[in-house]
C-alpha atoms as a PDB file:
ATOM      1  CA  UNK A   1       0.000   0.000   0.000  1.00  0.00           C
ATOM      2  CA  UNK A   2       2.837   2.379   0.795  1.00  0.00           C
ATOM      3  CA  UNK A   3       4.337   1.905  -2.658  1.00  0.00           C
ATOM      4  CA  UNK A   4       0.920   2.468  -4.278  1.00  0.00           C
ATOM      5  CA  UNK A   5       0.477   5.744  -2.381  1.00  0.00           C
ATOM      6  CA  UNK A   6       3.908   6.917  -3.545  1.00  0.00           C
ATOM      7  CA  UNK A   7       3.084   6.021  -7.160  1.00  0.00           C
ATOM      8  CA  UNK A   8      -0.221   7.913  -6.968  1.00  0.00           C
ATOM      9  CA  UNK A   9       1.617  10.866  -5.477  1.00  0.00           C
ATOM     10  CA  UNK A  10       4.148  10.902  -8.324  1.00  0.00           C
ATOM     11  CA  UNK A  11       1.309  10.777 -10.878  1.00  0.00           C
ATOM     12  CA  UNK A  12      -0.412  13.755  -9.212  1.00  0.00           C
ATOM     13  CA  UNK A  13       2.801  15.796  -9.202  1.00  0.00           C
ATOM     14  CA  UNK A  14       3.514  14.874 -12.838  1.00  0.00           C
ATOM     15  CA  UNK A  15       0.014  16.018 -13.828  1.00  0.00           C
ATOM     16  CA  UNK A  16       0.510  19.300 -11.968  1.00  0.00           C
ATOM     17  CA  UNK A  17       3.818  19.918 -13.749  1.00  0.00           C
ATOM     18  CA  UNK A  18       2.284  18.953 -17.088  1.00  0.00           C
ATOM     19  CA  UNK A  19      -0.467  21.536 -16.704  1.00  0.00           C
ATOM     20  CA  UNK A  20       1.988  24.172 -15.477  1.00  0.00           C
ATOM     21  CA  UNK A  21       4.360  23.927 -18.438  1.00  0.00           C
ATOM     22  CA  UNK A  22       2.479  22.304 -21.305  1.00  0.00           C
ATOM     23  CA  UNK A  23      -1.254  23.014 -20.977  1.00  0.00           C
ATOM     24  CA  UNK A  24      -3.029  26.351 -21.289  1.00  0.00           C
ATOM     25  CA  UNK A  25      -4.907  27.080 -18.074  1.00  0.00           C
ATOM     26  CA  UNK A  26      -7.012  29.922 -16.700  1.00  0.00           C
ATOM     27  CA  UNK A  27      -6.406  29.558 -12.966  1.00  0.00           C
ATOM     28  CA  UNK A  28      -3.904  28.156 -10.496  1.00  0.00           C
ATOM     29  CA  UNK A  29      -6.284  25.496  -9.181  1.00  0.00           C
ATOM     30  CA  UNK A  30      -4.077  22.821 -10.775  1.00  0.00           C
ATOM     31  CA  UNK A  31      -1.529  23.403  -7.971  1.00  0.00           C
ATOM     32  CA  UNK A  32      -3.762  21.316  -5.710  1.00  0.00           C
ATOM     33  CA  UNK A  33      -2.503  18.244  -7.586  1.00  0.00           C
ATOM     34  CA  UNK A  34       1.030  19.052  -6.485  1.00  0.00           C
ATOM     35  CA  UNK A  35      -0.001  19.401  -2.839  1.00  0.00           C
ATOM     36  CA  UNK A  36      -2.013  16.167  -3.005  1.00  0.00           C
ATOM     37  CA  UNK A  37       0.948  14.418  -4.603  1.00  0.00           C
ATOM     38  CA  UNK A  38       3.309  15.493  -1.854  1.00  0.00           C
ATOM     39  CA  UNK A  39       0.794  14.420   0.808  1.00  0.00           C
ATOM     40  CA  UNK A  40       0.401  10.986  -0.802  1.00  0.00           C
ATOM     41  CA  UNK A  41       4.157  10.497  -1.079  1.00  0.00           C
ATOM     42  CA  UNK A  42       4.606  11.504   2.568  1.00  0.00           C
ATOM     43  CA  UNK A  43       1.849   9.116   3.669  1.00  0.00           C
ATOM     44  CA  UNK A  44       3.276   6.320   1.543  1.00  0.00           C
ATOM     45  CA  UNK A  45       6.791   6.902   2.864  1.00  0.00           C
ATOM     46  CA  UNK A  46       5.612   6.573   6.478  1.00  0.00           C
ATOM     47  CA  UNK A  47       2.811   4.058   5.878  1.00  0.00           C
ATOM     48  CA  UNK A  48       4.647   1.250   7.670  1.00  0.00           C
ATOM     49  CA  UNK A  49       5.183   3.457  10.726  1.00  0.00           C
ATOM     50  CA  UNK A  50       1.499   4.437  10.577  1.00  0.00           C
ATOM     51  CA  UNK A  51       0.403   0.789  10.590  1.00  0.00           C
ATOM     52  CA  UNK A  52       2.729  -0.203  13.433  1.00  0.00           C
ATOM     53  CA  UNK A  53       2.393   2.758  15.794  1.00  0.00           C
ATOM     54  CA  UNK A  54      -0.984   4.451  15.330  1.00  0.00           C
ATOM     55  CA  UNK A  55      -3.718   3.125  17.677  1.00  0.00           C
ATOM     56  CA  UNK A  56      -6.278   0.870  15.976  1.00  0.00           C
ATOM     57  CA  UNK A  57      -9.196   3.140  16.902  1.00  0.00           C
ATOM     58  CA  UNK A  58      -7.517   6.039  15.096  1.00  0.00           C
ATOM     59  CA  UNK A  59      -6.843   3.866  12.055  1.00  0.00           C
ATOM     60  CA  UNK A  60     -10.499   2.812  12.000  1.00  0.00           C
ATOM     61  CA  UNK A  61     -11.643   6.429  12.156  1.00  0.00           C
ATOM     62  CA  UNK A  62      -9.252   7.355   9.337  1.00  0.00           C
ATOM     63  CA  UNK A  63     -10.518   4.424   7.251  1.00  0.00           C
ATOM     64  CA  UNK A  64     -14.141   5.449   7.815  1.00  0.00           C
ATOM     65  CA  UNK A  65     -13.375   9.061   6.930  1.00  0.00           C
ATOM     66  CA  UNK A  66     -11.444   8.202   3.764  1.00  0.00           C
ATOM     67  CA  UNK A  67     -14.108   5.683   2.682  1.00  0.00           C
ATOM     68  CA  UNK A  68     -16.898   8.230   3.212  1.00  0.00           C
ATOM     69  CA  UNK A  69     -14.996  10.850   1.214  1.00  0.00           C
ATOM     70  CA  UNK A  70     -14.360   8.413  -1.632  1.00  0.00           C
ATOM     71  CA  UNK A  71     -18.035   7.425  -1.707  1.00  0.00           C
ATOM     72  CA  UNK A  72     -19.095  11.079  -1.774  1.00  0.00           C
ATOM     73  CA  UNK A  73     -16.579  11.741  -4.558  1.00  0.00           C
ATOM     74  CA  UNK A  74     -17.904   8.872  -6.697  1.00  0.00           C
ATOM     75  CA  UNK A  75     -21.544   9.942  -6.194  1.00  0.00           C
ATOM     76  CA  UNK A  76     -20.915  13.577  -7.073  1.00  0.00           C
ATOM     77  CA  UNK A  77     -18.720  12.743 -10.057  1.00  0.00           C
ATOM     78  CA  UNK A  78     -21.528  10.497 -11.307  1.00  0.00           C
ATOM     79  CA  UNK A  79     -23.905  13.461 -11.076  1.00  0.00           C
ATOM     80  CA  UNK A  80     -21.422  15.641 -12.950  1.00  0.00           C
ATOM     81  CA  UNK A  81     -21.062  13.034 -15.716  1.00  0.00           C
ATOM     82  CA  UNK A  82     -24.868  12.912 -16.065  1.00  0.00           C
ATOM     83  CA  UNK A  83     -24.676  16.480 -17.377  1.00  0.00           C
ATOM     84  CA  UNK A  84     -22.508  15.409 -20.303  1.00  0.00           C
ATOM     85  CA  UNK A  85     -25.538  14.194 -22.263  1.00  0.00           C
ATOM     86  CA  UNK A  86     -28.028  16.949 -21.499  1.00  0.00           C
ATOM     87  CA  UNK A  87     -29.976  18.218 -24.519  1.00  0.00           C
ATOM     88  CA  UNK A  88     -32.463  21.012 -25.122  1.00  0.00           C
ATOM     89  CA  UNK A  89     -35.599  21.249 -27.267  1.00  0.00           C
ATOM     90  CA  UNK A  90     -35.768  23.432 -30.348  1.00  0.00           C
ATOM     91  CA  UNK A  91     -36.877  27.056 -30.385  1.00  0.00           C
ATOM     92  CA  UNK A  92     -35.924  28.033 -26.859  1.00  0.00           C
ATOM     93  CA  UNK A  93     -36.675  31.644 -26.004  1.00  0.00           C
ATOM     94  CA  UNK A  94     -33.126  32.255 -24.799  1.00  0.00           C
ATOM     95  CA  UNK A  95     -29.825  30.519 -24.405  1.00  0.00           C
ATOM     96  CA  UNK A  96     -27.245  31.720 -21.883  1.00  0.00           C
ATOM     97  CA  UNK A  97     -23.577  31.178 -22.691  1.00  0.00           C
ATOM     98  CA  UNK A  98     -21.546  31.036 -19.480  1.00  0.00           C
ATOM     99  CA  UNK A  99     -18.205  32.790 -19.634  1.00  0.00           C
ATOM    100  CA  UNK A 100     -14.733  31.273 -19.470  1.00  0.00           C
ATOM    101  CA  UNK A 101     -11.280  32.738 -19.822  1.00  0.00           C
ATOM    102  CA  UNK A 102     -10.708  35.338 -22.513  1.00  0.00           C
ATOM    103  CA  UNK A 103      -7.151  35.680 -23.821  1.00  0.00           C
ATOM    104  CA  UNK A 104      -5.421  38.463 -25.723  1.00  0.00           C
ATOM    105  CA  UNK A 105      -6.096  36.682 -29.020  1.00  0.00           C
ATOM    106  CA  UNK A 106      -9.740  35.923 -28.198  1.00  0.00           C
ATOM    107  CA  UNK A 107     -11.732  33.152 -26.502  1.00  0.00           C
ATOM    108  CA  UNK A 108      -9.838  30.323 -24.827  1.00  0.00           C
ATOM    109  CA  UNK A 109     -10.434  26.795 -26.097  1.00  0.00           C
ATOM    110  CA  UNK A 110     -13.146  26.138 -23.481  1.00  0.00           C
ATOM    111  CA  UNK A 111     -14.946  29.389 -24.278  1.00  0.00           C
ATOM    112  CA  UNK A 112     -14.666  28.816 -28.019  1.00  0.00           C
ATOM    113  CA  UNK A 113     -16.254  25.375 -27.646  1.00  0.00           C
ATOM    114  CA  UNK A 114     -19.153  26.928 -25.729  1.00  0.00           C
ATOM    115  CA  UNK A 115     -19.584  29.632 -28.357  1.00  0.00           C
ATOM    116  CA  UNK A 116     -19.464  27.151 -31.235  1.00  0.00           C
ATOM    117  CA  UNK A 117     -22.139  25.078 -29.482  1.00  0.00           C
ATOM    118  CA  UNK A 118     -24.246  28.201 -29.052  1.00  0.00           C
ATOM    119  CA  UNK A 119     -23.683  29.221 -32.671  1.00  0.00           C
ATOM    120  CA  UNK A 120     -24.898  25.843 -33.896  1.00  0.00           C
ATOM    121  CA  UNK A 121     -28.076  26.173 -31.869  1.00  0.00           C
ATOM    122  CA  UNK A 122     -28.693  29.790 -32.923  1.00  0.00           C
ATOM    123  CA  UNK A 123     -28.164  28.931 -36.575  1.00  0.00           C
ATOM    124  CA  UNK A 124     -30.832  26.228 -36.420  1.00  0.00           C
ATOM    125  CA  UNK A 125     -33.268  28.197 -34.242  1.00  0.00           C
ATOM    126  CA  UNK A 126     -33.675  31.642 -35.769  1.00  0.00           C
ATOM    127  CA  UNK A 127     -35.998  33.054 -33.099  1.00  0.00           C
ATOM    128  CA  UNK A 128     -33.808  32.221 -30.122  1.00  0.00           C
ATOM    129  CA  UNK A 129     -31.886  35.059 -28.479  1.00  0.00           C
ATOM    130  CA  UNK A 130     -28.587  34.617 -26.672  1.00  0.00           C
ATOM    131  CA  UNK A 131     -27.254  36.139 -23.463  1.00  0.00           C
ATOM    132  CA  UNK A 132     -23.454  36.129 -23.297  1.00  0.00           C
ATOM    133  CA  UNK A 133     -22.491  36.289 -19.633  1.00  0.00           C
ATOM    134  CA  UNK A 134     -19.137  37.140 -18.112  1.00  0.00           C
ATOM    135  CA  UNK A 135     -17.247  40.061 -16.613  1.00  0.00           C
ATOM    136  CA  UNK A 136     -13.559  40.921 -16.823  1.00  0.00           C
ATOM    137  CA  UNK A 137     -11.034  38.994 -14.769  1.00  0.00           C
ATOM    138  CA  UNK A 138      -7.687  40.407 -13.673  1.00  0.00           C
ATOM    139  CA  UNK A 139      -5.904  38.464 -16.430  1.00  0.00           C
ATOM    140  CA  UNK A 140      -8.331  39.300 -19.246  1.00  0.00           C
ATOM    141  CA  UNK A 141      -8.037  42.152 -21.786  1.00  0.00           C
ATOM    142  CA  UNK A 142     -11.754  43.014 -21.627  1.00  0.00           C
ATOM    143  CA  UNK A 143     -15.025  41.467 -20.535  1.00  0.00           C
ATOM    144  CA  UNK A 144     -15.849  37.908 -21.503  1.00  0.00           C
ATOM    145  CA  UNK A 145     -19.260  39.128 -22.653  1.00  0.00           C
ATOM    146  CA  UNK A 146     -17.668  41.513 -25.144  1.00  0.00           C
ATOM    147  CA  UNK A 147     -15.350  38.811 -26.440  1.00  0.00           C
ATOM    148  CA  UNK A 148     -18.260  36.405 -26.875  1.00  0.00           C
ATOM    149  CA  UNK A 149     -20.348  39.085 -28.587  1.00  0.00           C
ATOM    150  CA  UNK A 150     -17.591  39.806 -31.108  1.00  0.00           C
ATOM    151  CA  UNK A 151     -17.023  36.097 -31.781  1.00  0.00           C
ATOM    152  CA  UNK A 152     -20.697  35.401 -32.505  1.00  0.00           C
ATOM    153  CA  UNK A 153     -21.107  38.521 -34.656  1.00  0.00           C
ATOM    154  CA  UNK A 154     -18.101  37.463 -36.754  1.00  0.00           C
ATOM    155  CA  UNK A 155     -19.742  34.060 -37.190  1.00  0.00           C
ATOM    156  CA  UNK A 156     -22.832  35.758 -38.615  1.00  0.00           C
ATOM    157  CA  UNK A 157     -25.196  36.071 -35.643  1.00  0.00           C
ATOM    158  CA  UNK A 158     -27.150  39.340 -35.754  1.00  0.00           C
ATOM    159  CA  UNK A 159     -26.228  41.784 -32.942  1.00  0.00           C
ATOM    160  CA  UNK A 160     -29.977  42.217 -32.362  1.00  0.00           C
ATOM    161  CA  UNK A 161     -30.119  38.642 -31.073  1.00  0.00           C
ATOM    162  CA  UNK A 162     -27.265  39.089 -28.556  1.00  0.00           C
ATOM    163  CA  UNK A 163     -27.597  40.470 -25.019  1.00  0.00           C
ATOM    164  CA  UNK A 164     -24.411  41.242 -23.087  1.00  0.00           C
ATOM    165  CA  UNK A 165     -24.241  40.620 -19.336  1.00  0.00           C
ATOM    166  CA  UNK A 166     -20.789  41.876 -18.382  1.00  0.00           C
ATOM    167  CA  UNK A 167     -20.774  42.159 -14.583  1.00  0.00           C
ATOM    168  CA  UNK A 168     -20.673  38.560 -13.338  1.00  0.00           C
ATOM    169  CA  UNK A 169     -17.549  36.958 -11.885  1.00  0.00           C
ATOM    170  CA  UNK A 170     -18.720  33.386 -11.227  1.00  0.00           C
ATOM    171  CA  UNK A 171     -21.393  30.907 -12.305  1.00  0.00           C
ATOM    172  CA  UNK A 172     -23.912  31.960  -9.659  1.00  0.00           C
ATOM    173  CA  UNK A 173     -23.614  35.588 -10.775  1.00  0.00           C
ATOM    174  CA  UNK A 174     -23.727  34.560 -14.460  1.00  0.00           C
ATOM    175  CA  UNK A 175     -27.188  33.146 -13.923  1.00  0.00           C
ATOM    176  CA  UNK A 176     -28.432  35.670 -11.371  1.00  0.00           C
ATOM    177  CA  UNK A 177     -27.507  38.704 -13.501  1.00  0.00           C
ATOM    178  CA  UNK A 178     -28.713  37.053 -16.719  1.00  0.00           C
ATOM    179  CA  UNK A 179     -32.097  36.357 -15.112  1.00  0.00           C
ATOM    180  CA  UNK A 180     -32.814  40.103 -15.227  1.00  0.00           C
ATOM    181  CA  UNK A 181     -33.226  39.888 -19.007  1.00  0.00           C
ATOM    182  CA  UNK A 182     -35.722  37.016 -19.039  1.00  0.00           C
ATOM    183  CA  UNK A 183     -38.875  35.752 -17.374  1.00  0.00           C
ATOM    184  CA  UNK A 184     -37.555  32.854 -15.327  1.00  0.00           C
ATOM    185  CA  UNK A 185     -41.042  31.429 -14.792  1.00  0.00           C
ATOM    186  CA  UNK A 186     -42.330  31.304 -18.359  1.00  0.00           C
ATOM    187  CA  UNK A 187     -39.355  31.552 -20.747  1.00  0.00           C
ATOM    188  CA  UNK A 188     -37.689  28.388 -22.010  1.00  0.00           C
ATOM    189  CA  UNK A 189     -33.978  28.815 -21.377  1.00  0.00           C
ATOM    190  CA  UNK A 190     -30.918  26.769 -22.339  1.00  0.00           C
ATOM    191  CA  UNK A 191     -27.604  27.038 -20.513  1.00  0.00           C
ATOM    192  CA  UNK A 192     -24.585  26.532 -22.744  1.00  0.00           C
ATOM    193  CA  UNK A 193     -21.459  25.496 -20.898  1.00  0.00           C
ATOM    194  CA  UNK A 194     -18.726  22.847 -20.810  1.00  0.00           C
ATOM    195  CA  UNK A 195     -19.994  19.302 -20.249  1.00  0.00           C
ATOM    196  CA  UNK A 196     -18.435  18.990 -16.768  1.00  0.00           C
ATOM    197  CA  UNK A 197     -20.134  22.237 -15.745  1.00  0.00           C
ATOM    198  CA  UNK A 198     -23.702  21.495 -16.870  1.00  0.00           C
ATOM    199  CA  UNK A 199     -24.932  19.673 -13.752  1.00  0.00           C
ATOM    200  CA  UNK A 200     -23.983  22.449 -11.330  1.00  0.00           C
ATOM    201  CA  UNK A 201     -25.128  25.228 -13.661  1.00  0.00           C
ATOM    202  CA  UNK A 202     -28.589  23.676 -14.000  1.00  0.00           C
ATOM    203  CA  UNK A 203     -29.022  23.264 -10.255  1.00  0.00           C
ATOM    204  CA  UNK A 204     -27.820  26.798  -9.587  1.00  0.00           C
ATOM    205  CA  UNK A 205     -30.354  28.054 -12.135  1.00  0.00           C
ATOM    206  CA  UNK A 206     -33.190  26.101 -10.517  1.00  0.00           C
ATOM    207  CA  UNK A 207     -32.246  27.478  -7.114  1.00  0.00           C
ATOM    208  CA  UNK A 208     -32.500  30.978  -8.617  1.00  0.00           C
ATOM    209  CA  UNK A 209     -36.041  30.319  -9.823  1.00  0.00           C
ATOM    210  CA  UNK A 210     -35.570  29.179 -13.416  1.00  0.00           C
ATOM    211  CA  UNK A 211     -38.645  27.037 -14.111  1.00  0.00           C
ATOM    212  CA  UNK A 212     -37.981  25.859 -17.680  1.00  0.00           C
ATOM    213  CA  UNK A 213     -34.260  25.387 -17.990  1.00  0.00           C
ATOM    214  CA  UNK A 214     -32.170  22.953 -20.027  1.00  0.00           C
ATOM    215  CA  UNK A 215     -28.489  22.141 -20.316  1.00  0.00           C
ATOM    216  CA  UNK A 216     -26.577  22.356 -23.590  1.00  0.00           C
ATOM    217  CA  UNK A 217     -23.185  20.696 -23.165  1.00  0.00           C
ATOM    218  CA  UNK A 218     -20.121  21.683 -25.152  1.00  0.00           C
ATOM    219  CA  UNK A 219     -16.884  19.744 -25.458  1.00  0.00           C
ATOM    220  CA  UNK A 220     -14.256  20.040 -22.744  1.00  0.00           C
ATOM    221  CA  UNK A 221     -10.511  20.539 -23.076  1.00  0.00           C
ATOM    222  CA  UNK A 222      -9.380  16.943 -22.512  1.00  0.00           C
ATOM    223  CA  UNK A 223      -5.973  17.621 -20.850  1.00  0.00           C
ATOM    224  CA  UNK A 224      -7.721  19.738 -18.200  1.00  0.00           C
ATOM    225  CA  UNK A 225     -10.759  17.479 -17.743  1.00  0.00           C
ATOM    226  CA  UNK A 226      -9.495  15.662 -14.598  1.00  0.00           C
ATOM    227  CA  UNK A 227      -8.584  19.039 -13.091  1.00  0.00           C
ATOM    228  CA  UNK A 228     -11.964  20.539 -13.975  1.00  0.00           C
ATOM    229  CA  UNK A 229     -13.884  17.503 -12.755  1.00  0.00           C
ATOM    230  CA  UNK A 230     -12.144  17.697  -9.375  1.00  0.00           C
ATOM    231  CA  UNK A 231     -12.753  21.435  -9.156  1.00  0.00           C
ATOM    232  CA  UNK A 232     -16.445  20.875  -9.898  1.00  0.00           C
ATOM    233  CA  UNK A 233     -16.589  18.305  -7.090  1.00  0.00           C
ATOM    234  CA  UNK A 234     -15.328  20.900  -4.611  1.00  0.00           C
ATOM    235  CA  UNK A 235     -17.537  23.645  -6.098  1.00  0.00           C
ATOM    236  CA  UNK A 236     -20.668  21.527  -5.717  1.00  0.00           C
ATOM    237  CA  UNK A 237     -19.854  20.890  -2.059  1.00  0.00           C
ATOM    238  CA  UNK A 238     -19.225  24.620  -1.530  1.00  0.00           C
ATOM    239  CA  UNK A 239     -22.456  25.674  -3.260  1.00  0.00           C
ATOM    240  CA  UNK A 240     -24.429  23.086  -1.291  1.00  0.00           C
ATOM    241  CA  UNK A 241     -22.997  24.337   2.018  1.00  0.00           C
ATOM    242  CA  UNK A 242     -23.783  27.948   1.073  1.00  0.00           C
ATOM    243  CA  UNK A 243     -27.337  27.038   0.033  1.00  0.00           C
ATOM    244  CA  UNK A 244     -26.872  27.877  -3.649  1.00  0.00           C
ATOM    245  CA  UNK A 245     -28.038  24.480  -4.920  1.00  0.00           C
ATOM    246  CA  UNK A 246     -31.525  23.007  -4.908  1.00  0.00           C
END
């Protein structure tokens, strides 16, 4: 078991380094893999001492705690994966595109995938309007909403169909501020976001009073998918504790 823990720790650290130097990323959340890796290596290195010297009652409590956390992780990740296949009916009144990082050259890969998914829906459903939602982060040249607006206009979507919400800084605000432009009780609304993000976005929307809401999943950036899936796990726990989820 000690050797297995060390191997898992090395894998976590390697993934952290891979993201740091070889994968485009929008936040420093990936550093958690490095910390987890070091913790696993430390535990693996002293696993024999732990088995021989730690009282059995403590070991049982640790086993129960770790088992409960693993079970919770599997359950929540299953819920997240369920959002990968969400679809929406035709002719929605609105779709909301949730923001992601905007770079100097334009939308990041994740944001571009969301916008391309939105463009496909708007092209097929001529009466649907789109709300592009996202403010300006400290590492962004201008608001995500403006970047999304320009991207869709260049693709041929009429500016008259696009509403910019440019104040939000997180998913909860994306939906809360966007709700001011729609009737959350009667309008049919689709939420366009990355597949790993759909489950939480839908439940946040329902908690905010959206009555007829659907998920529209876009592709995720594969190298960052494990990182994003783990971050979603922690975000769901946080939103549940703060009462943001139904």
